[in-house]
Protein backbone atom coordinates (compact mmCIF):
# COMPACT_ATOMS: atom_id res chain seq x y z
CA MET A 1 16.96 -27.65 36.41
CA ALA A 2 17.95 -26.30 33.07
CA ALA A 3 19.54 -29.32 31.65
CA GLN A 4 17.13 -31.92 29.83
CA LEU A 5 17.16 -35.22 31.39
CA PRO A 6 18.07 -38.08 28.95
CA GLY A 7 15.05 -39.86 27.30
CA SER A 8 16.30 -43.28 28.13
CA PHE A 9 16.79 -42.46 31.67
CA THR A 10 13.34 -41.13 32.06
CA GLN A 11 11.99 -44.11 30.40
CA ARG A 12 13.74 -46.39 32.88
CA MET A 13 12.66 -44.37 35.85
CA LYS A 14 9.03 -44.71 34.74
CA GLU A 15 9.24 -48.33 34.65
CA LEU A 16 10.99 -48.46 37.94
CA LEU A 17 8.79 -46.13 39.86
CA GLY A 18 5.39 -46.71 38.15
CA THR A 19 2.76 -44.57 39.66
CA GLU A 20 5.31 -42.75 41.75
CA TYR A 21 7.11 -41.35 38.68
CA GLU A 22 5.31 -38.18 38.34
CA GLN A 23 5.93 -37.14 41.96
CA PHE A 24 9.60 -38.02 41.40
CA ALA A 25 9.74 -35.88 38.19
CA GLU A 26 8.41 -32.90 40.19
CA THR A 27 11.47 -32.90 42.23
CA TYR A 28 13.53 -31.60 39.49
CA LYS A 29 11.61 -28.37 39.65
CA GLU A 30 12.67 -27.82 43.38
CA THR A 31 15.89 -26.32 44.69
CA PRO A 32 18.29 -28.95 46.28
CA TYR A 33 18.49 -28.86 50.08
CA GLY A 34 21.63 -27.88 51.66
CA GLY A 35 23.13 -29.18 54.78
CA ILE A 36 25.96 -28.91 57.35
CA ARG A 37 27.32 -31.66 59.76
CA ALA A 38 28.75 -30.65 63.23
CA ASN A 39 32.35 -31.67 63.67
CA THR A 40 32.54 -33.30 67.02
CA LEU A 41 36.06 -33.56 67.05
CA LYS A 42 35.86 -29.85 67.73
CA ILE A 43 32.38 -28.84 69.01
CA SER A 44 29.42 -30.56 70.38
CA VAL A 45 26.03 -30.48 68.59
CA LYS A 46 24.52 -28.67 71.41
CA ASP A 47 27.30 -25.90 71.33
CA LEU A 48 27.10 -25.59 67.44
CA LEU A 49 23.25 -25.03 67.75
CA ALA A 50 23.89 -22.26 70.36
CA LEU A 51 26.68 -20.77 68.09
CA ALA A 52 25.30 -21.01 64.66
CA PRO A 53 24.37 -17.66 63.09
CA PHE A 54 21.78 -19.38 60.96
CA GLU A 55 18.62 -21.49 61.35
CA LEU A 56 19.19 -25.33 61.49
CA GLU A 57 16.78 -28.18 61.07
CA PRO A 58 17.80 -31.81 62.15
CA ILE A 59 18.33 -34.37 59.42
CA PRO A 60 16.46 -37.50 60.47
CA TRP A 61 19.11 -40.00 59.64
CA CYS A 62 22.05 -38.27 60.83
CA PRO A 63 22.16 -36.94 64.59
CA THR A 64 25.14 -34.47 63.88
CA GLY A 65 23.45 -33.28 60.47
CA PHE A 66 21.29 -30.25 59.82
CA TYR A 67 19.55 -28.73 56.90
CA THR A 68 20.43 -25.15 56.41
CA GLY A 69 17.73 -22.52 55.32
CA GLU A 70 17.28 -20.85 51.89
CA GLY A 71 19.93 -17.92 51.90
CA ALA A 72 22.12 -19.47 54.34
CA ARG A 73 25.88 -19.14 53.39
CA PRO A 74 27.67 -21.37 56.00
CA GLY A 75 30.95 -21.29 53.78
CA LYS A 76 31.18 -17.64 54.49
CA HIS A 77 31.55 -17.57 58.06
CA PRO A 78 34.82 -17.82 60.35
CA TYR A 79 33.12 -20.99 61.81
CA TYR A 80 33.50 -22.82 58.55
CA HIS A 81 37.28 -21.89 58.35
CA THR A 82 37.62 -23.14 61.91
CA GLY A 83 36.31 -26.56 61.06
CA LEU A 84 33.26 -26.54 63.28
CA TYR A 85 31.07 -28.01 60.53
CA TYR A 86 31.29 -29.76 57.18
CA ILE A 87 29.07 -28.49 54.34
CA GLN A 88 27.46 -31.70 52.90
CA GLU A 89 24.46 -32.89 50.91
CA PRO A 90 21.94 -34.40 53.47
CA SER A 91 21.63 -37.74 51.84
CA ALA A 92 25.39 -38.29 51.63
CA MET A 93 25.39 -38.24 55.41
CA ALA A 94 23.60 -41.70 55.66
CA PRO A 95 26.18 -44.47 54.68
CA VAL A 96 28.48 -43.35 57.52
CA GLU A 97 25.67 -43.65 60.04
CA LEU A 98 24.96 -47.21 58.70
CA LEU A 99 28.81 -48.26 59.19
CA ASP A 100 28.24 -47.89 63.08
CA VAL A 101 31.83 -46.85 63.60
CA GLN A 102 33.06 -47.06 67.14
CA PRO A 103 36.04 -45.47 68.99
CA GLY A 104 39.06 -47.60 68.59
CA ASP A 105 37.89 -49.06 65.22
CA ARG A 106 40.20 -49.46 62.32
CA VAL A 107 38.34 -47.90 59.34
CA LEU A 108 39.08 -47.82 55.64
CA ASP A 109 37.32 -45.26 53.42
CA LEU A 110 38.05 -46.58 50.11
CA CYS A 111 36.96 -43.86 47.65
CA ALA A 112 37.23 -40.98 49.95
CA ALA A 113 37.64 -37.70 48.23
CA PRO A 114 36.83 -34.81 48.81
CA GLY A 115 36.53 -36.07 52.33
CA GLY A 116 33.04 -35.54 53.68
CA LYS A 117 32.52 -39.03 54.75
CA SER A 118 36.18 -39.53 56.08
CA THR A 119 35.69 -36.47 58.35
CA GLN A 120 32.33 -37.86 59.49
CA ILE A 121 34.20 -41.40 60.33
CA ALA A 122 36.94 -39.45 62.10
CA ALA A 123 34.31 -37.69 64.33
CA LYS A 124 32.88 -40.98 65.40
CA LEU A 125 36.46 -42.35 66.11
CA GLN A 126 37.17 -39.36 68.37
CA GLY A 127 40.79 -39.63 67.98
CA GLU A 128 40.96 -43.41 68.77
CA GLY A 129 41.73 -46.19 66.50
CA LEU A 130 42.75 -45.61 62.78
CA LEU A 131 41.34 -43.96 59.66
CA VAL A 132 42.87 -44.94 56.29
CA SER A 133 41.37 -42.41 53.62
CA ASN A 134 42.01 -43.56 49.93
CA ASP A 135 41.37 -42.11 46.51
CA LEU A 136 42.56 -43.49 43.29
CA HIS A 137 42.76 -39.96 41.69
CA PRO A 138 46.02 -38.16 42.62
CA GLU A 139 44.53 -34.57 42.11
CA ARG A 140 41.43 -35.50 44.44
CA THR A 141 43.66 -36.48 47.19
CA LYS A 142 44.78 -32.85 47.69
CA ALA A 143 41.30 -31.89 48.79
CA LEU A 144 40.87 -35.15 50.73
CA ALA A 145 44.24 -34.30 52.84
CA LYS A 146 43.34 -30.66 53.27
CA ASN A 147 39.81 -31.52 54.71
CA LEU A 148 41.23 -34.05 57.21
CA GLU A 149 43.49 -31.28 58.28
CA LEU A 150 40.95 -28.54 58.41
CA TYR A 151 38.81 -30.76 60.66
CA GLY A 152 41.55 -31.52 63.17
CA VAL A 153 41.97 -35.45 62.38
CA ARG A 154 45.02 -36.74 64.16
CA ASN A 155 44.65 -40.40 63.51
CA GLY A 156 44.16 -40.41 59.71
CA ILE A 157 46.42 -41.72 56.78
CA VAL A 158 45.69 -40.65 53.16
CA LEU A 159 46.59 -43.06 50.35
CA ASN A 160 46.50 -42.70 46.64
CA GLU A 161 46.42 -46.44 45.72
CA SER A 162 44.11 -48.92 43.91
CA PRO A 163 41.79 -51.05 46.06
CA GLU A 164 43.69 -54.39 45.23
CA ARG A 165 47.01 -53.00 46.32
CA ILE A 166 45.36 -51.82 49.62
CA ALA A 167 44.08 -55.24 50.17
CA ALA A 168 47.31 -56.83 49.54
CA ALA A 169 49.01 -54.59 52.01
CA PHE A 170 46.33 -54.90 54.68
CA PRO A 171 44.78 -58.46 54.34
CA GLY A 172 41.91 -59.07 56.88
CA PHE A 173 42.68 -55.91 58.77
CA PHE A 174 39.85 -53.43 58.95
CA ASP A 175 36.91 -53.54 61.39
CA ARG A 176 34.82 -51.54 59.00
CA ILE A 177 35.07 -50.26 55.39
CA LEU A 178 33.17 -47.78 53.51
CA ILE A 179 32.83 -47.95 49.64
CA ASP A 180 31.07 -44.84 48.35
CA ALA A 181 31.52 -46.36 44.93
CA PRO A 182 32.12 -44.29 41.75
CA CYS A 183 28.87 -44.45 39.73
CA SER A 184 26.73 -42.91 37.08
CA GLY A 185 25.49 -40.24 39.47
CA GLU A 186 21.78 -40.32 38.59
CA GLY A 187 20.88 -39.44 42.16
CA MET A 188 22.75 -35.99 41.70
CA PHE A 189 21.17 -34.92 38.36
CA ARG A 190 19.20 -32.14 40.16
CA LYS A 191 22.00 -30.90 42.04
CA ASP A 192 24.74 -31.07 39.42
CA GLU A 193 23.88 -30.57 35.61
CA ASP A 194 27.18 -31.74 34.51
CA MET A 195 26.43 -35.33 35.61
CA VAL A 196 23.38 -35.23 33.37
CA LYS A 197 25.51 -34.04 30.49
CA GLN A 198 28.15 -36.84 31.03
CA TRP A 199 25.44 -39.63 31.37
CA GLU A 200 24.95 -42.18 28.31
CA PRO A 201 22.63 -45.10 28.29
CA GLY A 202 25.84 -47.47 28.65
CA THR A 203 27.05 -45.60 31.75
CA PRO A 204 25.53 -47.77 34.52
CA GLU A 205 26.94 -51.05 33.12
CA LYS A 206 30.37 -49.39 32.84
CA TYR A 207 30.34 -48.54 36.38
CA ALA A 208 28.85 -51.69 37.66
CA ALA A 209 31.90 -53.65 36.45
CA MET A 210 34.27 -51.25 38.26
CA GLN A 211 32.14 -51.45 41.55
CA ARG A 212 32.29 -55.36 41.60
CA ASP A 213 36.13 -55.17 41.53
CA ILE A 214 36.18 -52.69 44.39
CA LEU A 215 33.87 -54.95 46.39
CA VAL A 216 36.02 -57.88 45.93
CA SER A 217 39.24 -56.08 47.07
CA ALA A 218 37.41 -54.49 50.15
CA ALA A 219 36.28 -57.92 51.07
CA ALA A 220 39.81 -59.08 51.26
CA ALA A 221 40.81 -55.96 53.56
CA LEU A 222 38.01 -56.71 55.93
CA LYS A 223 38.55 -58.39 59.28
CA PRO A 224 36.66 -61.56 59.77
CA GLY A 225 33.36 -60.38 61.43
CA GLY A 226 33.72 -56.82 60.16
CA THR A 227 31.17 -54.58 58.48
CA LEU A 228 31.25 -53.28 54.89
CA VAL A 229 28.99 -50.42 53.88
CA TYR A 230 28.56 -50.05 49.97
CA SER A 231 26.65 -46.85 48.74
CA THR A 232 26.12 -44.96 45.54
CA CYS A 233 24.45 -41.85 44.60
CA THR A 234 22.64 -43.38 41.52
CA PHE A 235 19.15 -44.97 40.90
CA ALA A 236 20.29 -47.59 38.33
CA VAL A 237 19.64 -51.18 39.61
CA GLU A 238 22.69 -52.73 37.74
CA GLU A 239 24.92 -50.40 40.02
CA ASN A 240 23.02 -51.13 43.21
CA GLU A 241 21.12 -54.18 44.02
CA GLY A 242 22.57 -55.89 40.80
CA THR A 243 26.00 -55.22 42.17
CA ILE A 244 25.33 -56.40 45.65
CA ALA A 245 23.55 -59.61 44.49
CA ASP A 246 26.46 -60.52 42.20
CA PHE A 247 28.96 -59.92 45.21
CA LEU A 248 26.69 -62.17 47.58
CA ALA A 249 26.68 -65.00 45.00
CA ALA A 250 30.25 -65.12 45.08
CA HIS A 251 31.02 -64.40 48.63
CA PRO A 252 29.04 -66.89 50.96
CA ARG A 253 30.65 -65.66 54.07
CA PHE A 254 29.03 -62.16 53.65
CA SER A 255 25.23 -61.56 54.32
CA LEU A 256 23.07 -58.43 54.25
CA VAL A 257 22.22 -56.55 57.55
CA PRO A 258 18.79 -54.79 57.30
CA ALA A 259 19.63 -51.12 56.70
CA GLY A 260 16.52 -50.06 58.84
CA GLY A 261 16.87 -46.34 59.44
CA THR A 262 14.56 -43.90 60.66
CA GLY A 263 11.54 -44.34 58.30
CA SER A 264 13.25 -42.38 55.75
CA PHE A 265 14.95 -45.28 54.05
CA ALA A 266 12.85 -47.04 51.35
CA PRO A 267 13.68 -50.81 50.95
CA GLY A 268 15.80 -51.96 47.90
CA PHE A 269 14.28 -53.61 44.95
CA GLY A 270 13.61 -57.22 44.08
CA GLU A 271 15.12 -59.91 46.51
CA LEU A 272 17.12 -57.34 48.51
CA PRO A 273 14.75 -55.45 50.58
CA GLU A 274 17.34 -55.08 53.34
CA THR A 275 19.16 -52.54 51.26
CA ALA A 276 18.01 -49.08 51.37
CA ARG A 277 17.23 -45.99 49.15
CA LEU A 278 16.71 -42.42 49.68
CA TRP A 279 14.34 -41.09 47.07
CA PRO A 280 14.07 -37.21 46.61
CA HIS A 281 10.24 -37.26 46.26
CA LYS A 282 10.32 -39.03 49.64
CA VAL A 283 13.08 -37.28 51.77
CA LYS A 284 14.54 -33.84 51.71
CA GLY A 285 17.83 -34.94 49.96
CA GLU A 286 19.13 -36.43 46.85
CA GLY A 287 19.03 -39.96 45.60
CA HIS A 288 21.18 -42.58 47.43
CA PHE A 289 21.62 -46.46 47.62
CA MET A 290 23.06 -48.28 50.62
CA ALA A 291 23.86 -51.97 51.51
CA VAL A 292 25.32 -53.00 54.92
CA LEU A 293 27.25 -56.15 54.49
CA ARG A 294 28.81 -58.42 57.49
CA HIS A 295 31.56 -61.13 57.32
CA ASP A 296 30.37 -64.08 59.28
CA GLY A 297 33.76 -64.27 61.20
CA SER A 298 35.04 -67.42 59.74
CA LEU A 299 38.55 -67.82 58.30
CA VAL A 300 40.04 -69.79 55.58
CA PRO A 301 43.65 -71.11 56.08
CA GLU A 302 45.41 -68.26 53.77
CA GLU A 303 43.72 -65.46 56.03
CA GLU A 304 45.09 -66.52 59.37
CA GLY A 305 47.93 -64.40 60.53
CA GLY A 306 47.49 -61.49 58.28
CA ASP A 307 46.08 -59.13 61.02
CA ARG A 308 48.96 -59.84 63.33
CA ASP A 309 51.72 -59.00 60.64
CA ILE A 310 50.07 -55.76 59.88
CA ALA A 311 49.87 -54.76 63.59
CA LEU A 312 53.51 -55.54 63.68
CA GLY A 313 54.23 -53.14 60.91
CA ILE A 314 55.75 -55.62 58.39
CA ALA A 315 52.84 -55.95 56.11
CA ALA A 316 55.13 -55.13 53.06
CA ARG A 317 57.79 -57.45 53.73
CA ASN A 318 58.27 -61.08 53.37
CA LYS A 319 59.98 -63.51 55.76
CA SER A 320 63.46 -62.71 54.69
CA GLY A 321 62.78 -59.10 55.65
CA LYS A 322 63.03 -57.70 52.19
CA ALA A 323 60.49 -55.73 50.47
CA SER A 324 57.91 -58.03 48.66
CA PRO A 325 57.50 -58.02 44.91
CA SER A 326 54.27 -55.94 45.13
CA ALA A 327 55.97 -53.28 47.43
CA LYS A 328 59.08 -53.07 44.98
CA ALA A 329 56.64 -52.44 42.18
CA ALA A 330 54.78 -49.46 43.76
CA GLY A 331 56.74 -46.56 42.53
CA GLY A 332 54.85 -43.43 43.03
CA LYS A 333 55.32 -39.58 42.77
CA THR A 334 54.98 -36.84 45.18
CA GLU A 335 52.37 -34.43 44.83
CA ARG A 336 54.71 -32.16 42.67
CA GLY A 337 55.32 -34.93 40.31
CA ARG A 338 58.84 -35.96 41.39
CA GLY A 339 59.60 -39.79 41.76
CA GLY A 340 58.78 -40.65 45.48
CA LYS A 341 61.17 -43.14 47.23
CA GLY A 342 59.37 -46.24 48.55
CA GLY A 343 56.10 -45.28 46.94
CA ARG A 344 55.74 -42.31 49.33
CA ALA A 345 53.81 -39.00 48.17
CA PHE A 346 53.94 -36.84 51.25
CA GLY A 347 52.79 -33.43 50.54
CA LYS A 348 55.45 -31.79 52.44
CA SER A 349 58.12 -33.72 50.58
CA GLY A 350 61.03 -31.23 51.00
CA ASN A 351 63.79 -31.94 48.34
CA GLY A 352 63.15 -35.80 47.92
CA SER A 353 66.22 -36.92 49.94
CA GLY A 354 64.27 -37.70 53.02
CA ARG A 355 65.75 -41.10 53.78
CA GLU A 356 69.32 -39.83 53.82
CA GLN A 357 68.43 -36.88 55.86
CA GLN A 358 66.48 -39.22 58.31
CA SER A 359 69.51 -41.56 58.94
CA VAL A 360 72.05 -38.61 59.35
CA GLY A 361 70.23 -36.25 61.69
CA GLU A 362 67.01 -38.00 63.03
CA GLU A 363 68.52 -37.62 66.58
CA ALA A 364 68.76 -33.82 66.14
CA LEU A 365 65.52 -33.62 64.56
CA LEU A 366 63.63 -35.51 67.27
CA ALA A 367 65.47 -33.18 69.78
CA ALA A 368 64.11 -29.94 68.16
CA TYR A 369 60.56 -31.77 68.05
CA ALA A 370 60.69 -32.74 71.62
CA ASP A 371 62.01 -29.16 72.75
CA PHE A 372 59.16 -27.61 70.92
CA PHE A 373 56.29 -29.65 72.34
CA LYS A 374 57.82 -29.23 76.00
CA GLU A 375 58.05 -25.47 75.56
CA GLN A 376 55.10 -24.60 73.57
CA LEU A 377 52.39 -27.30 74.35
CA GLY A 378 53.78 -29.14 77.60
CA TRP A 379 53.09 -32.66 76.24
CA GLN A 380 53.77 -34.92 73.20
CA PRO A 381 51.27 -36.76 70.99
CA ALA A 382 51.05 -40.66 71.05
CA GLY A 383 51.93 -42.44 67.70
CA TYR A 384 54.84 -43.30 65.56
CA PRO A 385 57.18 -40.35 64.37
CA VAL A 386 57.65 -40.65 60.55
CA TRP A 387 60.21 -38.27 59.25
CA PHE A 388 60.36 -37.21 55.54
CA GLY A 389 63.24 -35.03 55.03
CA GLU A 390 62.79 -32.54 57.99
CA HIS A 391 59.03 -33.01 58.01
CA LEU A 392 57.33 -34.80 60.73
CA TYR A 393 54.23 -36.80 60.87
CA ILE A 394 52.68 -38.57 63.75
CA SER A 395 51.43 -41.82 62.35
CA PRO A 396 48.88 -44.26 63.95
CA LEU A 397 50.87 -47.02 62.22
CA PRO A 398 54.62 -47.83 62.13
CA LYS A 399 56.17 -46.65 58.83
CA GLU A 400 56.88 -50.20 57.57
CA ALA A 401 53.12 -50.82 57.28
CA LEU A 402 53.09 -48.18 54.53
CA ASP A 403 56.21 -49.30 52.56
CA GLY A 404 55.47 -49.57 48.91
CA LEU A 405 52.14 -47.65 48.99
CA LYS A 406 51.64 -44.28 47.57
CA THR A 407 51.09 -42.26 50.63
CA ILE A 408 49.82 -38.67 50.40
CA ARG A 409 49.75 -38.23 54.26
CA PRO A 410 51.31 -40.79 56.77
CA GLY A 411 49.55 -39.37 59.78
CA TRP A 412 49.00 -36.11 61.42
CA TYR A 413 51.44 -33.40 59.96
CA VAL A 414 53.03 -31.63 63.00
CA GLY A 415 55.67 -29.52 61.39
CA HIS A 416 59.28 -29.36 60.20
CA VAL A 417 62.71 -28.53 61.43
CA ARG A 418 64.57 -25.44 60.11
CA SER A 419 68.06 -24.39 61.18
CA GLY A 420 67.65 -26.64 64.07
CA ARG A 421 64.37 -25.18 65.36
CA PHE A 422 60.97 -26.90 65.04
CA ILE A 423 58.30 -25.00 63.15
CA PRO A 424 54.75 -26.20 63.90
CA GLY A 425 52.56 -26.96 60.95
CA HIS A 426 48.93 -25.50 60.40
CA PRO A 427 47.35 -29.11 60.71
CA LEU A 428 48.96 -29.33 64.23
CA ALA A 429 47.03 -26.14 65.28
CA THR A 430 43.68 -26.99 63.72
CA ALA A 431 43.56 -30.41 65.66
CA LEU A 432 44.48 -28.62 69.09
CA HIS A 433 42.20 -27.59 71.79
CA PRO A 434 43.00 -24.23 73.66
CA GLU A 435 43.99 -25.95 76.70
CA GLU A 436 46.54 -28.20 74.99
CA SER A 437 48.65 -25.14 74.10
CA CYS A 438 50.62 -23.04 76.52
CA ARG A 439 49.53 -19.77 74.90
CA SER A 440 46.23 -19.20 73.27
CA LEU A 441 43.93 -16.29 72.19
CA SER A 442 40.24 -16.43 71.36
CA LEU A 443 38.93 -13.84 68.91
CA SER A 444 35.18 -13.26 68.36
CA GLY A 445 33.58 -14.65 65.23
CA SER A 446 31.31 -11.79 65.03
CA SER A 447 34.11 -9.12 65.13
CA GLY A 448 36.24 -8.11 62.37
CA GLU A 449 39.40 -9.38 63.99
CA ALA A 450 38.44 -13.03 63.09
CA VAL A 451 38.25 -12.12 59.54
CA SER A 452 41.35 -10.20 59.66
CA TYR A 453 43.35 -13.04 61.18
CA LEU A 454 41.84 -15.38 58.54
CA LYS A 455 43.01 -13.06 55.94
CA GLY A 456 46.67 -13.30 57.26
CA GLU A 457 46.83 -9.85 58.67
CA THR A 458 49.00 -8.82 61.64
CA LEU A 459 46.90 -7.89 64.65
CA SER A 460 47.66 -5.54 67.71
CA ILE A 461 46.81 -7.59 70.83
CA PRO A 462 47.63 -6.51 74.44
CA ALA A 463 49.40 -9.18 76.79
CA GLU A 464 46.20 -9.30 79.00
CA ARG A 465 44.09 -10.88 76.20
CA LEU A 466 46.44 -13.79 75.97
CA SER A 467 45.70 -17.10 77.94
CA VAL A 468 49.15 -18.35 79.19
CA LYS A 469 49.72 -21.35 81.28
CA SER A 470 51.51 -20.87 84.59
CA GLY A 471 55.32 -21.12 83.96
CA SER A 472 55.26 -20.38 80.37
CA VAL A 473 56.58 -16.76 79.09
CA LEU A 474 54.44 -14.63 77.01
CA LYS A 475 56.54 -14.50 73.90
CA GLY A 476 56.18 -17.29 71.40
CA TYR A 477 53.75 -19.27 69.42
CA VAL A 478 50.04 -18.70 70.25
CA LEU A 479 47.25 -20.85 69.16
CA VAL A 480 44.61 -18.44 67.79
CA CYS A 481 40.98 -19.56 68.26
CA ILE A 482 37.70 -18.12 67.10
CA ASP A 483 35.11 -18.38 69.89
CA GLY A 484 37.36 -20.75 71.69
CA TYR A 485 37.83 -23.12 68.65
CA SER A 486 41.42 -23.54 67.18
CA ALA A 487 42.07 -21.99 63.79
CA GLY A 488 45.90 -21.48 63.36
CA TRP A 489 49.24 -20.25 64.85
CA ALA A 490 50.51 -16.78 65.32
CA LYS A 491 53.68 -15.48 67.00
CA TRP A 492 53.25 -12.86 69.84
CA GLN A 493 55.68 -10.14 71.01
CA ASP A 494 55.50 -6.75 72.53
CA GLY A 495 51.77 -6.38 71.68
CA MET A 496 51.98 -7.70 68.18
CA LEU A 497 50.51 -10.86 66.90
CA LYS A 498 52.38 -12.08 63.77
CA ASN A 499 50.28 -14.04 61.61
CA GLU A 500 51.14 -17.59 60.70
CA TYR A 501 48.02 -18.54 58.79
CA PRO A 502 48.97 -20.26 55.67
CA ALA A 503 48.42 -18.31 52.41
CA GLY A 504 46.54 -21.20 50.80
CA TRP A 505 43.99 -21.31 53.28
CA ARG A 506 42.99 -17.55 53.92
CA TRP A 507 39.75 -15.92 53.55
CA THR A 508 38.96 -14.62 50.02
């Protein structure tokens, strides 16, 4: 690496590593390892290995993760745009594996942008349960929402909230919570030289204070008996073992679960050997710290009933049925910077008059939606319809549960109504499988057709290439797939495929 490591950092690492320091220092002369993770919402590991046009080597701590060889360009292939894999630093795949997510769990990814760990969690949920992905920084939530859409997540909600407000809205609710905490980033110095330039001797202490506050909020949102995984990409003891020790001292209902692992995980320092570290001189990956914390399942009186209230969708309301003071204070802005009503900030926000349009024409909107799904797909998704203007989301939670929270995506965005007709959204297409659409077309990933489609071009496609369910007409929306995996929409008529792939997503 070209950037010079700070002197105070190297001195601390010498004290921390002792005789291993020289071996550690040599890793800064090496090229960082690249990796991809199979998106099992869309493709199995076996099928990805058969399709991948580049060599893949298994990552020991992640059964769906693989190292990519030098010279591989996984971001420059149609499969990337189809959401078959996520490009991710290998060590960053470890925390979600320790979270041990099961289908049906309610999971909170508290510091989620840009979405790598959220997409990994979603794949483990397999469409069951709930994923709430949050990030405090409004700009970062755009990439987070787009990644959840690209990778076909149907049961995800995206928030732009502070941890304490989430805990107030969802007390004792989540089975599992991931905190990939903001940190000084020392473990990424080799990969990102900007992290080196931003680092100062006092940086670890500054982040440690922030991390302690996040942990306290997360603990309040965790269900009794639930699991919380805390991770950082730094080496500083203050942000790792020190933060966890402080939390355990103040929260006796929590205890450490040994991280174990595959032999790749080194134990934490001091009195916390149950925590785990990934060292770049010991594994093929960057520096990481992880701790698995479990609540003992006991309740204190004020915790009783909170989970039931959330399930009924009245978390932001008091006994009188009015919005609670905290909900009223939420405010919020849309992604375009306009004031959002009720704290919502849905990306497809229309003209900001969603509540009024909903009350006047919701019956007609629902009818248009139902007609589309009957004619074009033949089924309707389970969940709660949430209208914002003429834009429709299918949410895993009733809309009342999100009242007062700054919400970027309340669920799966399926489309909008225009002039009485339902127009399907791109995220609807990316989450579908070919058999779920009345019409589909598969393009070869090795042909120019796939790239032409991803560039937004119109294609000439004879009728016999379409796969059409019995009883459906040829004309209409077609789910365009690449080697059998959904990529987006098009409209077919008289041998011409009119491209509906959105401009902001196109191949460049």
